[in-house]
Amino acid sequence: VVANVYVFVKNALVMQFATGHMGSLASRLLWHYMSKPYSFFVENHSAKIAKDVLIQSDMVANTVLLSWMTAISESFTLAALVFLILWVDLKAGLTIVFGLGTIVAGAYFAIRRKVYLLGQASDEANSRRFAYCLETLGAVKEIKATETEDFFCRAFEPHANEMAAAFTKTNVLQSLPSYFVQAVAASFIIGLGLFEIRNGRPFEKIVPLLSIYVVAGYRLLPSLMKFAGSISQLRQQRAVFDNVAGLLEESDGKWKPPPPQRDVPLKGGLALEGVVFRYPGASESVFDGLDLRVAEGEFVAIVGTSGAGKSTLVDLLLGLLNPERGRLLIGGAPLDAELLPHWRRKVAYIPQSVFLLDGTISDNISFGAWKEHVDAARVARAAETARISDLVASLSGGLQSGVGERGSKLSGGQRQRLGIARALYREPAVLIMDESTSALDGITESEILKTLEGLKGKLTMVVIAHRHSTVRLCDRVVMLERGKVVDGGTYDELLARNSTFGRLMSDPGQA
């Protein structure tokens, strides 16, 4: 009874320690990644990040930490058993300990390299499986529309089978030493008995001796196998542990509160001076000496053909990307690490494809705010200004109505207007839109244009746009071509003198 209670308490404590770190490890890894600059996410696959946070953190807790704690706890059990065996019969005890120890160590030493390689292969296969699954689920609308389910499911199978094969080989390989050791241990005891009989030792003395060996082996072998198995598991998951440990060493994985808010004056507007930028690994620069100025309260349209650098320009203005040379000036002050958090509180961004949380309309407008800190009046004002009040009124839950996963319950125009409401909730001084009207139908676009017209002069606005109705609304139009400003002026001025601009306005698909 005492032994069973000891085993239960020991296992419970080991399990509590290991699984108790699951949540903290995942949280620290997510904090680690979210503290990275935006450029990191441009260069790295999201599936790898998700796998590290959701899967590898659990593997470290459930496998690595559990194996480590099991090895430590079993070492104490082994020490107690060895002491007891040596105390009962020193000669027999030394024979048992040395014999079983050599057999177990030899068995696991023989497979350790193969186990490590299989662990690496399993981890790499899991990464490919995870990435392909995320891509397939992300493209479900296109897959269903083109009836290509069979292709994507079949393409997923090799990755899943590769992972399963590596996992199976590892489990089979790790189970072999157990059977081998048991067989060798039994043969060892039988051989020892025959050896004693052959040497003329009385049978009545051999039986007690063999009994000691059998009982000692029965008690010692399970703990010895658990200890060795834990070491083998640690070897198998070394690649996972090294990856997670390396990530945690890069940062403390803790949230750092933003600095106290300070005013960022926009007198002098925004300016890009001599900006040079090239994506890592790219052979050519997107910008090579770009100069651009936007006055405070000005509404500027950025137009250009595809590949001109419009989206990269937005990322630079938002402070998501840093130029190799040159600088971004905010009200005459260079945007640096100290100014950046204050600048981001002043600017709001409306992407072409608005990401929506699987929550309520209010949750999506107050994006990133705890419910107890949401300003309901501001939410309502933002919804009204973005012209989604009619939508809110038509829903039984009003602002507390759910929008579905990725806004599946809303139309494209409604999602776009919700994105504008989210931007306006921040009460920004600068509004940056990336082709925000290109996804709208004619009626919805007209409503959005009225919203933007009402904001003219109140905010500094920069819009990446192609539709002539949006561009005509702007105070000034800037044309980009191959990373350079090639022309600028009002809509009418450019239409009169620039044939490329005329083609862009008549055929938005060129951009």
Protein backbone atom coordinates (compact mmCIF):
# COMPACT_ATOMS: atom_id res chain seq x y z
CA VAL A 1 0.00 0.00 0.00
CA VAL A 2 2.80 2.40 0.96
CA ALA A 3 4.59 1.65 -2.33
CA ASN A 4 1.43 2.31 -4.36
CA VAL A 5 0.76 5.58 -2.53
CA TYR A 6 4.36 6.63 -3.16
CA VAL A 7 4.08 5.85 -6.88
CA PHE A 8 0.75 7.71 -7.15
CA VAL A 9 2.05 10.83 -5.39
CA LYS A 10 5.28 10.77 -7.39
CA ASN A 11 3.46 10.48 -10.73
CA ALA A 12 0.96 13.18 -9.76
CA LEU A 13 3.71 15.64 -8.83
CA VAL A 14 5.65 14.90 -12.02
CA MET A 15 2.54 15.37 -14.17
CA GLN A 16 1.55 18.56 -12.35
CA PHE A 17 4.99 20.07 -12.87
CA ALA A 18 5.15 19.20 -16.57
CA THR A 19 1.61 20.11 -17.63
CA GLY A 20 1.64 23.18 -15.40
CA HIS A 21 4.13 24.74 -17.82
CA MET A 22 2.01 24.17 -20.95
CA GLY A 23 0.12 27.45 -20.72
CA SER A 24 3.08 29.57 -19.68
CA LEU A 25 5.30 28.17 -22.45
CA ALA A 26 2.69 28.84 -25.15
CA SER A 27 2.07 32.36 -23.82
CA ARG A 28 5.79 33.17 -23.67
CA LEU A 29 6.31 31.92 -27.22
CA LEU A 30 3.42 34.02 -28.52
CA TRP A 31 4.79 37.08 -26.72
CA HIS A 32 8.20 36.33 -28.20
CA TYR A 33 6.86 36.27 -31.74
CA MET A 34 4.55 39.25 -31.33
CA SER A 35 7.49 41.33 -30.12
CA LYS A 36 9.17 40.79 -33.50
CA PRO A 37 9.07 43.55 -36.12
CA TYR A 38 6.61 43.29 -39.00
CA SER A 39 9.45 42.43 -41.40
CA PHE A 40 9.95 39.15 -39.50
CA PHE A 41 6.43 38.03 -40.43
CA VAL A 42 6.99 39.00 -44.05
CA GLU A 43 10.00 36.68 -44.20
CA ASN A 44 8.70 33.74 -42.09
CA HIS A 45 5.83 31.31 -42.68
CA SER A 46 2.91 31.74 -40.30
CA ALA A 47 2.52 27.95 -40.05
CA LYS A 48 5.96 27.64 -38.45
CA ILE A 49 5.04 30.30 -35.90
CA ALA A 50 1.67 28.66 -35.15
CA LYS A 51 3.32 25.25 -34.80
CA ASP A 52 5.87 26.59 -32.31
CA VAL A 53 3.20 28.28 -30.19
CA LEU A 54 0.46 25.64 -30.31
CA ILE A 55 2.27 22.32 -30.80
CA GLN A 56 5.92 22.55 -29.80
CA SER A 57 5.11 24.25 -26.51
CA ASP A 58 2.85 21.30 -25.63
CA MET A 59 5.49 18.82 -26.79
CA VAL A 60 8.09 20.41 -24.54
CA ALA A 61 5.71 20.27 -21.57
CA ASN A 62 4.17 16.84 -22.22
CA THR A 63 7.27 15.09 -23.52
CA VAL A 64 10.49 16.90 -22.66
CA LEU A 65 9.64 18.21 -19.18
CA LEU A 66 7.65 15.08 -18.34
CA SER A 67 10.53 12.83 -19.44
CA TRP A 68 13.02 14.97 -17.57
CA MET A 69 11.00 14.85 -14.34
CA THR A 70 10.35 11.12 -14.79
CA ALA A 71 14.08 10.49 -15.18
CA ILE A 72 14.82 12.46 -12.00
CA SER A 73 12.08 10.76 -9.95
CA GLU A 74 13.03 7.30 -11.20
CA SER A 75 16.68 7.95 -10.34
CA PHE A 76 15.64 8.36 -6.69
CA THR A 77 13.59 5.16 -6.89
CA LEU A 78 16.55 3.34 -8.47
CA ALA A 79 18.91 4.62 -5.79
CA ALA A 80 16.60 3.33 -3.04
CA LEU A 81 16.20 -0.08 -4.72
CA VAL A 82 19.94 -0.44 -5.34
CA PHE A 83 20.69 0.41 -1.72
CA LEU A 84 18.14 -2.17 -0.55
CA ILE A 85 19.51 -4.88 -2.87
CA LEU A 86 23.10 -4.23 -1.83
CA TRP A 87 22.08 -4.29 1.82
CA VAL A 88 20.40 -7.70 1.43
CA ASP A 89 23.23 -9.32 -0.58
CA LEU A 90 26.23 -7.25 -1.62
CA LYS A 91 27.63 -9.73 -4.15
CA ALA A 92 24.27 -10.46 -5.76
CA GLY A 93 23.37 -6.79 -5.71
CA LEU A 94 26.55 -5.74 -7.50
CA THR A 95 25.98 -8.45 -10.10
CA ILE A 96 22.37 -7.37 -10.68
CA VAL A 97 23.06 -3.64 -10.79
CA PHE A 98 26.08 -3.96 -13.06
CA GLY A 99 24.44 -6.56 -15.30
CA LEU A 100 21.08 -4.85 -15.77
CA GLY A 101 22.68 -1.41 -16.03
CA THR A 102 25.04 -2.57 -18.76
CA ILE A 103 22.25 -4.29 -20.70
CA VAL A 104 19.86 -1.32 -20.56
CA ALA A 105 22.56 1.26 -21.31
CA GLY A 106 23.83 -0.79 -24.24
CA ALA A 107 20.34 -1.27 -25.69
CA TYR A 108 19.46 2.42 -25.59
CA PHE A 109 22.94 3.52 -26.69
CA ALA A 110 22.50 1.42 -29.83
CA ILE A 111 19.35 3.30 -30.90
CA ARG A 112 20.07 6.80 -29.59
CA ARG A 113 21.36 8.25 -32.91
CA LYS A 114 18.48 6.77 -34.90
CA VAL A 115 15.94 8.08 -32.38
CA TYR A 116 17.38 11.60 -32.65
CA LEU A 117 17.25 11.55 -36.46
CA LEU A 118 13.68 10.24 -36.42
CA GLY A 119 12.74 13.01 -34.00
CA GLN A 120 14.12 15.59 -36.43
CA ALA A 121 12.31 13.98 -39.36
CA SER A 122 9.05 13.88 -37.40
CA ASP A 123 9.34 17.57 -36.49
CA GLU A 124 10.08 18.61 -40.08
CA ALA A 125 7.21 16.49 -41.41
CA ASN A 126 4.90 18.01 -38.81
CA SER A 127 5.87 21.51 -39.99
CA ARG A 128 4.99 20.65 -43.59
CA ARG A 129 1.73 18.99 -42.53
CA PHE A 130 0.72 21.99 -40.42
CA ALA A 131 1.59 24.50 -43.16
CA TYR A 132 -0.35 22.66 -45.85
CA CYS A 133 -3.39 22.23 -43.62
CA LEU A 134 -3.46 25.98 -42.85
CA GLU A 135 -3.13 26.84 -46.54
CA THR A 136 -5.95 24.47 -47.45
CA LEU A 137 -8.31 25.86 -44.81
CA GLY A 138 -7.40 29.41 -45.81
CA ALA A 139 -8.36 28.72 -49.41
CA VAL A 140 -11.57 26.81 -48.65
CA LYS A 141 -13.79 29.23 -50.60
CA GLU A 142 -11.71 28.93 -53.78
CA ILE A 143 -11.38 25.16 -53.31
CA LYS A 144 -15.14 24.67 -52.95
CA ALA A 145 -15.85 27.00 -55.88
CA THR A 146 -13.46 25.11 -58.18
CA GLU A 147 -14.35 21.65 -56.82
CA THR A 148 -10.68 20.86 -56.18
CA GLU A 149 -11.20 19.21 -52.78
CA ASP A 150 -9.78 15.93 -54.09
CA PHE A 151 -6.55 17.59 -55.23
CA PHE A 152 -5.86 19.38 -51.96
CA CYS A 153 -6.82 16.41 -49.77
CA ARG A 154 -4.62 14.07 -51.80
CA ALA A 155 -1.78 16.58 -51.75
CA PHE A 156 -2.06 16.69 -47.95
CA GLU A 157 -1.80 12.89 -47.59
CA PRO A 158 1.97 12.56 -48.22
CA HIS A 159 2.74 15.11 -45.49
CA ALA A 160 0.39 13.38 -43.03
CA ASN A 161 1.75 9.93 -43.93
CA GLU A 162 5.36 11.12 -43.61
CA MET A 163 4.63 12.36 -40.10
CA ALA A 164 2.83 9.13 -39.18
CA ALA A 165 5.65 6.96 -40.58
CA ALA A 166 8.32 8.81 -38.60
CA PHE A 167 6.19 8.62 -35.46
CA THR A 168 5.57 4.86 -35.94
CA LYS A 169 9.26 4.11 -36.52
CA THR A 170 10.19 6.05 -33.41
CA ASN A 171 7.67 4.22 -31.20
CA VAL A 172 8.67 0.80 -32.56
CA LEU A 173 12.36 1.56 -32.15
CA GLN A 174 11.90 2.81 -28.59
CA SER A 175 9.95 -0.32 -27.63
CA LEU A 176 12.67 -2.73 -28.82
CA PRO A 177 15.06 -2.24 -25.86
CA SER A 178 12.29 -3.19 -23.42
CA TYR A 179 11.73 -6.61 -25.01
CA PHE A 180 15.45 -7.13 -25.51
CA VAL A 181 16.33 -6.26 -21.91
CA GLN A 182 13.58 -8.49 -20.47
CA ALA A 183 14.73 -11.43 -22.59
CA VAL A 184 18.39 -10.91 -21.72
CA ALA A 185 17.59 -10.45 -18.01
CA ALA A 186 15.61 -13.71 -17.92
CA SER A 187 18.40 -15.52 -19.77
CA PHE A 188 20.91 -13.98 -17.38
CA ILE A 189 19.08 -15.33 -14.30
CA ILE A 190 18.61 -18.79 -15.84
CA GLY A 191 22.24 -18.89 -16.94
CA LEU A 192 23.38 -17.83 -13.49
CA GLY A 193 21.36 -20.64 -11.92
CA LEU A 194 22.82 -23.23 -14.31
CA PHE A 195 26.30 -21.86 -13.65
CA GLU A 196 25.85 -22.28 -9.87
CA ILE A 197 24.52 -25.85 -10.31
CA ARG A 198 27.45 -26.76 -12.56
CA ASN A 199 29.86 -25.46 -9.94
CA GLY A 200 28.31 -27.81 -7.41
CA ARG A 201 26.51 -25.27 -5.29
CA PRO A 202 23.73 -26.93 -3.27
CA PHE A 203 20.27 -26.49 -4.74
CA GLU A 204 18.85 -25.26 -1.42
CA LYS A 205 21.31 -22.35 -1.57
CA ILE A 206 20.73 -21.60 -5.25
CA VAL A 207 16.96 -21.10 -4.87
CA PRO A 208 17.21 -18.25 -2.29
CA LEU A 209 19.92 -16.60 -4.41
CA LEU A 210 17.85 -16.80 -7.60
CA SER A 211 14.83 -15.56 -5.66
CA ILE A 212 16.78 -12.45 -4.69
CA TYR A 213 17.73 -11.94 -8.34
CA VAL A 214 14.14 -12.41 -9.55
CA VAL A 215 12.59 -10.14 -6.91
CA ALA A 216 15.30 -7.52 -7.36
CA GLY A 217 14.96 -7.65 -11.14
CA TYR A 218 11.17 -7.45 -10.86
CA ARG A 219 11.42 -4.29 -8.74
CA LEU A 220 14.47 -2.78 -10.41
CA LEU A 221 13.78 -3.42 -14.09
CA PRO A 222 10.59 -1.27 -14.45
CA SER A 223 12.27 1.77 -12.87
CA LEU A 224 15.40 1.21 -14.92
CA MET A 225 13.34 0.95 -18.13
CA LYS A 226 11.37 4.10 -17.27
CA PHE A 227 14.59 5.97 -16.59
CA ALA A 228 16.18 4.82 -19.85
CA GLY A 229 12.94 5.43 -21.77
CA SER A 230 12.80 8.99 -20.47
CA ILE A 231 16.37 9.60 -21.59
CA SER A 232 15.45 8.21 -25.02
CA GLN A 233 12.42 10.52 -25.21
CA LEU A 234 14.63 13.48 -24.36
CA ARG A 235 16.95 12.44 -27.17
CA GLN A 236 14.05 12.13 -29.61
CA GLN A 237 12.65 15.56 -28.75
CA ARG A 238 15.99 17.33 -28.54
CA ALA A 239 15.34 19.23 -31.78
CA VAL A 240 12.01 20.50 -30.42
CA PHE A 241 13.53 21.44 -27.07
CA ASP A 242 16.49 23.21 -28.70
CA ASN A 243 14.12 25.19 -30.91
CA VAL A 244 11.86 26.32 -28.04
CA ALA A 245 14.78 27.01 -25.71
CA GLY A 246 16.49 29.07 -28.40
CA LEU A 247 13.35 31.14 -28.96
CA LEU A 248 12.90 31.81 -25.25
CA GLU A 249 16.54 32.84 -24.89
CA GLU A 250 16.00 35.58 -27.48
CA SER A 251 13.46 37.38 -25.28
CA ASP A 252 11.94 37.14 -21.82
CA GLY A 253 8.48 36.50 -23.33
CA LYS A 254 6.87 39.15 -21.15
CA TRP A 255 4.65 42.04 -22.12
CA LYS A 256 6.26 45.44 -21.89
CA PRO A 257 3.77 48.25 -21.26
CA PRO A 258 3.83 51.06 -23.84
CA PRO A 259 5.38 54.35 -22.81
CA PRO A 260 3.08 57.10 -21.51
CA GLN A 261 1.22 58.74 -24.36
CA ARG A 262 2.57 62.02 -25.62
CA ASP A 263 1.35 64.39 -28.30
CA VAL A 264 2.86 64.00 -31.77
CA PRO A 265 2.32 67.33 -33.57
CA LEU A 266 1.71 67.03 -37.31
CA LYS A 267 2.58 70.60 -38.21
CA GLY A 268 4.72 70.13 -41.28
CA GLY A 269 2.81 66.95 -42.18
CA LEU A 270 4.48 63.71 -43.23
CA ALA A 271 7.60 63.43 -45.34
CA LEU A 272 9.71 60.67 -46.82
CA GLU A 273 13.21 61.93 -47.60
CA GLY A 274 15.66 59.98 -49.74
CA VAL A 275 14.14 56.64 -48.77
CA VAL A 276 15.92 53.52 -49.99
CA PHE A 277 14.27 50.17 -49.27
CA ARG A 278 14.82 46.61 -50.45
CA TYR A 279 13.22 43.42 -49.12
CA PRO A 280 15.70 40.87 -47.70
CA GLY A 281 16.93 38.54 -50.43
CA ALA A 282 15.61 40.75 -53.25
CA SER A 283 18.00 41.74 -56.04
CA GLU A 284 16.43 45.15 -56.66
CA SER A 285 15.32 47.95 -54.38
CA VAL A 286 11.64 48.88 -54.19
CA PHE A 287 12.61 52.50 -53.54
CA ASP A 288 15.90 54.17 -54.38
CA GLY A 289 15.79 57.75 -53.14
CA LEU A 290 12.02 58.25 -52.75
CA ASP A 291 10.84 61.74 -51.74
CA LEU A 292 7.22 62.40 -50.79
CA ARG A 293 5.44 65.03 -48.70
CA VAL A 294 1.89 65.08 -47.35
CA ALA A 295 0.68 68.29 -45.70
CA GLU A 296 -1.32 68.26 -42.49
CA GLY A 297 -5.02 67.83 -43.31
CA GLU A 298 -4.30 66.93 -46.95
CA PHE A 299 -6.08 64.08 -48.74
CA VAL A 300 -3.57 62.40 -51.08
CA ALA A 301 -4.14 59.52 -53.52
CA ILE A 302 -1.25 57.24 -54.45
CA VAL A 303 -1.69 55.59 -57.85
CA GLY A 304 0.50 53.44 -60.06
CA THR A 305 0.72 50.19 -61.92
CA SER A 306 1.19 46.87 -60.14
CA GLY A 307 4.67 46.60 -58.65
CA ALA A 308 5.15 50.36 -58.35
CA GLY A 309 5.66 50.05 -54.58
CA LYS A 310 2.32 51.37 -53.30
CA SER A 311 1.76 48.75 -50.59
CA THR A 312 5.39 49.00 -49.45
CA LEU A 313 4.92 52.77 -49.19
CA VAL A 314 1.97 52.19 -46.84
CA ASP A 315 4.08 49.87 -44.65
CA LEU A 316 6.80 52.52 -44.45
CA LEU A 317 4.32 55.24 -43.50
CA LEU A 318 2.89 53.00 -40.77
CA GLY A 319 6.37 52.35 -39.41
CA LEU A 320 6.04 48.62 -40.09
CA LEU A 321 9.12 48.61 -42.31
CA ASN A 322 12.31 50.60 -41.81
CA PRO A 323 14.16 52.16 -44.75
CA GLU A 324 17.76 51.13 -45.37
CA ARG A 325 18.58 54.79 -45.92
CA GLY A 326 16.60 57.97 -45.72
CA ARG A 327 13.96 58.79 -43.14
CA LEU A 328 10.28 59.31 -42.40
CA LEU A 329 9.49 62.65 -40.75
CA ILE A 330 6.41 63.14 -38.57
CA GLY A 331 5.76 66.84 -38.09
CA GLY A 332 9.43 67.44 -38.86
CA ALA A 333 10.68 64.85 -36.31
CA PRO A 334 12.41 61.67 -37.57
CA LEU A 335 10.45 58.50 -36.82
CA ASP A 336 12.66 56.47 -34.49
CA ALA A 337 12.13 53.73 -31.90
CA GLU A 338 11.19 56.29 -29.24
CA LEU A 339 8.63 58.10 -31.41
CA LEU A 340 7.16 54.97 -33.06
CA PRO A 341 4.67 53.90 -30.31
CA HIS A 342 3.33 57.46 -30.09
CA TRP A 343 3.01 57.67 -33.89
CA ARG A 344 1.03 54.43 -34.04
CA ARG A 345 -1.52 55.90 -31.63
CA LYS A 346 -2.03 58.78 -34.05
CA VAL A 347 -2.43 56.77 -37.25
CA ALA A 348 -5.17 54.33 -38.32
CA TYR A 349 -4.94 51.83 -41.14
CA ILE A 350 -7.67 50.38 -43.36
CA PRO A 351 -6.35 47.40 -45.37
CA GLN A 352 -7.77 46.22 -48.66
CA SER A 353 -8.91 42.99 -47.02
CA VAL A 354 -10.19 43.75 -43.52
CA PHE A 355 -9.50 41.04 -40.95
CA LEU A 356 -12.48 40.46 -38.68
CA LEU A 357 -12.52 38.67 -35.35
CA ASP A 358 -15.05 35.91 -34.74
CA GLY A 359 -16.84 38.20 -32.30
CA THR A 360 -19.41 40.98 -32.27
CA ILE A 361 -19.59 44.16 -34.33
CA SER A 362 -18.55 46.07 -31.21
CA ASP A 363 -15.57 43.74 -30.67
CA ASN A 364 -14.38 44.41 -34.20
CA ILE A 365 -14.79 48.17 -34.02
CA SER A 366 -12.98 48.38 -30.66
CA PHE A 367 -10.35 45.94 -31.97
CA GLY A 368 -7.82 44.96 -29.28
CA ALA A 369 -9.65 46.58 -26.34
CA TRP A 370 -10.84 44.68 -23.25
CA LYS A 371 -14.62 44.77 -22.93
CA GLU A 372 -14.51 46.76 -19.69
CA HIS A 373 -12.47 49.45 -21.45
CA VAL A 374 -14.65 49.77 -24.57
CA ASP A 375 -16.20 53.22 -25.02
CA ALA A 376 -19.72 52.39 -26.21
CA ALA A 377 -20.38 55.98 -27.31
CA ARG A 378 -17.25 56.00 -29.48
CA VAL A 379 -18.23 52.65 -30.99
CA ALA A 380 -21.66 54.03 -31.91
CA ARG A 381 -20.15 57.22 -33.39
CA ALA A 382 -17.64 55.26 -35.45
CA ALA A 383 -20.40 52.97 -36.74
CA GLU A 384 -22.53 55.94 -37.72
CA THR A 385 -19.68 57.78 -39.46
CA ALA A 386 -18.75 54.61 -41.39
CA ARG A 387 -22.43 54.27 -42.41
CA ILE A 388 -23.10 50.87 -40.87
CA SER A 389 -25.84 52.16 -38.57
CA ASP A 390 -28.50 50.69 -40.87
CA LEU A 391 -26.80 47.29 -40.66
CA VAL A 392 -26.62 47.53 -36.86
CA ALA A 393 -30.29 48.54 -36.63
CA SER A 394 -31.35 45.58 -38.82
CA LEU A 395 -29.75 43.04 -36.48
CA SER A 396 -31.55 41.86 -33.35
CA GLY A 397 -28.36 42.07 -31.30
CA GLY A 398 -27.34 45.48 -32.63
CA LEU A 399 -23.68 46.19 -32.00
CA GLN A 400 -23.47 42.94 -30.01
CA SER A 401 -24.40 40.83 -33.07
CA GLY A 402 -21.82 38.28 -34.19
CA VAL A 403 -20.08 38.64 -37.55
CA GLY A 404 -18.99 35.00 -37.97
CA GLU A 405 -15.54 33.62 -38.68
CA ARG A 406 -13.65 36.21 -40.76
CA GLY A 407 -16.89 38.14 -41.13
CA SER A 408 -18.69 35.34 -42.98
CA LYS A 409 -22.11 36.78 -42.02
CA LEU A 410 -21.34 40.12 -43.69
CA SER A 411 -21.03 41.22 -47.30
CA GLY A 412 -17.77 42.53 -48.72
CA GLY A 413 -19.00 46.09 -48.50
CA GLN A 414 -20.15 45.65 -44.91
CA ARG A 415 -16.76 44.21 -43.94
CA GLN A 416 -15.05 47.18 -45.57
CA ARG A 417 -17.23 49.70 -43.74
CA LEU A 418 -16.61 47.85 -40.48
CA GLY A 419 -12.90 48.28 -41.14
CA ILE A 420 -13.40 52.02 -41.56
CA ALA A 421 -15.40 52.16 -38.32
CA ARG A 422 -12.54 50.36 -36.57
CA ALA A 423 -10.08 52.96 -37.85
CA LEU A 424 -12.32 55.86 -36.79
CA TYR A 425 -12.80 54.39 -33.29
CA ARG A 426 -9.12 55.12 -32.67
CA GLU A 427 -9.82 58.83 -33.30
CA PRO A 428 -6.68 59.14 -35.42
CA ALA A 429 -4.99 62.22 -36.79
CA VAL A 430 -3.83 60.30 -39.88
CA LEU A 431 -5.84 57.78 -41.88
CA ILE A 432 -4.09 55.44 -44.33
CA MET A 433 -6.12 53.25 -46.67
CA ASP A 434 -4.79 50.53 -48.93
CA GLU A 435 -7.14 50.18 -51.93
CA SER A 436 -10.06 50.28 -49.54
CA THR A 437 -12.70 51.05 -52.18
CA SER A 438 -11.70 48.39 -54.69
CA ALA A 439 -13.81 45.71 -52.99
CA LEU A 440 -17.03 47.75 -52.89
CA ASP A 441 -20.11 47.73 -55.09
CA GLY A 442 -21.28 51.00 -56.62
CA ILE A 443 -23.85 51.87 -53.95
CA THR A 444 -21.56 51.02 -51.04
CA GLU A 445 -18.67 52.86 -52.67
CA SER A 446 -20.83 55.96 -52.94
CA GLU A 447 -21.58 55.78 -49.21
CA ILE A 448 -17.90 55.35 -48.37
CA LEU A 449 -16.97 58.29 -50.58
CA LYS A 450 -19.45 60.44 -48.67
CA THR A 451 -17.79 59.31 -45.43
CA LEU A 452 -14.34 60.19 -46.75
CA GLU A 453 -15.57 63.52 -48.05
CA GLY A 454 -16.91 64.32 -44.58
CA LEU A 455 -13.44 63.62 -43.13
CA LYS A 456 -11.58 65.87 -45.60
CA GLY A 457 -9.72 68.59 -43.78
CA LYS A 458 -10.32 66.97 -40.40
CA LEU A 459 -7.73 64.22 -40.88
CA THR A 460 -4.59 63.77 -42.90
CA MET A 461 -5.47 60.97 -45.34
CA VAL A 462 -3.40 58.85 -47.72
CA VAL A 463 -5.24 56.38 -49.94
CA ILE A 464 -3.93 53.75 -52.34
CA ALA A 465 -6.71 53.81 -54.91
CA HIS A 466 -7.47 53.03 -58.54
CA ARG A 467 -11.12 53.96 -59.04
CA HIS A 468 -11.50 57.39 -60.54
CA SER A 469 -14.34 58.26 -58.15
CA THR A 470 -12.01 57.88 -55.17
CA VAL A 471 -9.08 59.61 -56.82
CA ARG A 472 -11.21 62.60 -57.90
CA LEU A 473 -12.14 63.19 -54.27
CA CYS A 474 -8.49 63.71 -53.24
CA ASP A 475 -6.74 67.06 -52.98
CA ARG A 476 -3.67 65.73 -54.76
CA VAL A 477 -2.66 62.65 -56.74
CA VAL A 478 0.85 61.17 -56.64
CA MET A 479 1.90 58.73 -59.37
CA LEU A 480 4.42 56.02 -58.53
CA GLU A 481 6.35 54.06 -61.12
CA ARG A 482 9.09 51.56 -60.26
CA GLY A 483 9.55 53.07 -56.83
CA LYS A 484 9.77 56.69 -57.92
CA VAL A 485 7.36 59.62 -57.93
CA VAL A 486 6.95 60.36 -61.65
CA ASP A 487 4.09 62.85 -61.54
CA GLY A 488 1.74 64.68 -59.22
CA GLY A 489 -1.12 67.12 -59.24
CA THR A 490 -4.90 67.23 -59.15
CA TYR A 491 -7.03 64.60 -60.82
CA ASP A 492 -7.91 66.90 -63.73
CA GLU A 493 -4.30 68.00 -64.22
CA LEU A 494 -2.99 64.45 -64.45
CA LEU A 495 -5.84 63.30 -66.65
CA ALA A 496 -5.05 66.11 -69.08
CA ARG A 497 -1.30 65.51 -69.37
CA ASN A 498 -0.52 61.91 -68.36
CA SER A 499 -1.69 59.09 -70.64
CA THR A 500 -0.60 56.39 -68.15
CA PHE A 501 -2.80 57.95 -65.49
CA GLY A 502 -5.69 58.02 -67.95
CA ARG A 503 -5.28 54.31 -68.66
CA LEU A 504 -5.18 53.51 -64.94
CA MET A 505 -8.41 55.38 -64.34
CA SER A 506 -10.17 53.69 -67.26
CA ASP A 507 -8.78 50.23 -66.45
CA PRO A 508 -8.13 49.77 -62.68
CA GLY A 509 -7.07 46.18 -63.33
CA GLN A 510 -3.64 47.40 -64.48
CA ALA A 511 -2.73 48.25 -60.89
